[in-house]
Amino acid sequence: MYQLHCIVSGRVQGVAYRAFVQNIARDMRITGFVANLPDGSVEVVAQGEYGVLKVFLQHIAKGPAGAVVTGVYDDWSEEPEKTYEGFDIL
């Protein structure tokens, strides 16, 4: 299992971005969470198979129709310190 940690910047708050990420994660059977950050960016922690997470990353880099993603910082780990049961919006 791999873990993907992302900070997504741009117009990603107030445009249903977190719900978009959660729906994709659930469809792809990815666990983790998505949360707004005080600076206007969004944090995503996702766990699953490497190939599935790569496709997931492509989706979140695009975002829903109302979002404008200007940057995605991604960090990968092969051994997550914590595991998640589902995919939550925090």
Protein backbone atom coordinates (compact mmCIF):
# COMPACT_ATOMS: atom_id res chain seq x y z
CA MET A 1 0.00 0.00 0.00
CA TYR A 2 1.18 3.49 -0.87
CA GLN A 3 0.27 6.86 0.58
CA LEU A 4 -0.06 10.04 -1.44
CA HIS A 5 -0.02 13.37 0.44
CA CYS A 6 -0.96 16.43 -1.62
CA ILE A 7 -1.40 20.15 -1.11
CA VAL A 8 -3.59 21.51 -3.90
CA SER A 9 -3.57 25.25 -4.56
CA GLY A 10 -5.68 27.56 -6.69
CA ARG A 11 -9.41 28.17 -6.53
CA VAL A 12 -10.18 24.95 -4.66
CA GLN A 13 -12.35 26.16 -1.77
CA GLY A 14 -16.01 27.01 -2.17
CA VAL A 15 -16.30 25.09 -5.46
CA ALA A 16 -17.22 21.58 -4.16
CA TYR A 17 -13.61 20.43 -4.57
CA ARG A 18 -13.60 18.31 -1.40
CA ALA A 19 -16.80 16.49 -2.40
CA PHE A 20 -15.32 15.92 -5.88
CA VAL A 21 -12.17 14.38 -4.37
CA GLN A 22 -14.19 12.24 -1.95
CA ASN A 23 -16.42 10.87 -4.73
CA ILE A 24 -13.46 9.92 -6.89
CA ALA A 25 -11.64 8.34 -3.94
CA ARG A 26 -14.67 6.27 -3.00
CA ASP A 27 -15.22 5.18 -6.62
CA MET A 28 -11.56 4.11 -6.80
CA ARG A 29 -11.64 2.43 -3.36
CA ILE A 30 -9.01 4.80 -1.95
CA THR A 31 -8.92 5.61 1.77
CA GLY A 32 -7.81 8.82 3.48
CA PHE A 33 -9.17 12.34 3.80
CA VAL A 34 -9.49 15.76 2.19
CA ALA A 35 -9.49 19.03 4.17
CA ASN A 36 -9.47 22.78 3.60
CA LEU A 37 -6.40 24.60 4.90
CA PRO A 38 -6.41 28.14 6.34
CA ASP A 39 -4.33 29.52 3.43
CA GLY A 40 -7.02 28.60 0.86
CA SER A 41 -5.38 25.38 -0.33
CA VAL A 42 -6.66 21.83 0.19
CA GLU A 43 -4.83 18.89 1.77
CA VAL A 44 -5.39 15.36 0.47
CA VAL A 45 -4.08 12.16 2.05
CA ALA A 46 -4.87 9.07 -0.01
CA GLN A 47 -3.90 5.42 0.44
CA GLY A 48 -4.11 2.58 -2.05
CA GLU A 49 -2.28 0.81 -4.84
CA TYR A 50 0.38 2.87 -6.62
CA GLY A 51 -1.20 2.73 -10.09
CA VAL A 52 -4.63 3.65 -8.75
CA LEU A 53 -3.18 6.61 -6.83
CA LYS A 54 -1.43 7.86 -9.98
CA VAL A 55 -4.78 8.00 -11.80
CA PHE A 56 -6.38 9.62 -8.72
CA LEU A 57 -3.67 12.29 -8.77
CA GLN A 58 -4.53 13.13 -12.38
CA HIS A 59 -8.17 13.64 -11.41
CA ILE A 60 -7.47 15.87 -8.42
CA ALA A 61 -5.00 17.93 -10.45
CA LYS A 62 -7.87 18.80 -12.77
CA GLY A 63 -10.66 19.25 -10.20
CA PRO A 64 -14.37 19.84 -10.74
CA ALA A 65 -15.82 22.31 -13.25
CA GLY A 66 -15.75 25.33 -10.89
CA ALA A 67 -12.22 24.79 -9.62
CA VAL A 68 -8.98 26.22 -10.98
CA VAL A 69 -6.03 24.13 -9.81
CA THR A 70 -2.79 26.09 -10.14
CA GLY A 71 -0.47 23.71 -8.33
CA VAL A 72 -0.24 20.27 -6.74
CA TYR A 73 2.56 19.41 -4.34
CA ASP A 74 2.70 15.62 -4.00
CA ASP A 75 4.70 13.44 -1.62
CA TRP A 76 4.72 9.65 -1.78
CA SER A 77 5.34 7.05 0.93
CA GLU A 78 5.46 3.26 0.70
CA GLU A 79 4.73 2.72 4.39
CA PRO A 80 1.99 4.92 5.84
CA GLU A 81 2.27 5.62 9.58
CA LYS A 82 -1.52 5.54 9.94
CA THR A 83 -4.18 3.75 7.88
CA TYR A 84 -7.73 4.92 7.18
CA GLU A 85 -10.98 2.95 6.93
CA GLY A 86 -12.83 5.20 4.46
CA PHE A 87 -12.36 8.55 2.73
CA ASP A 88 -13.58 11.51 4.75
CA ILE A 89 -14.05 15.23 4.33
CA LEU A 90 -12.54 17.01 7.33
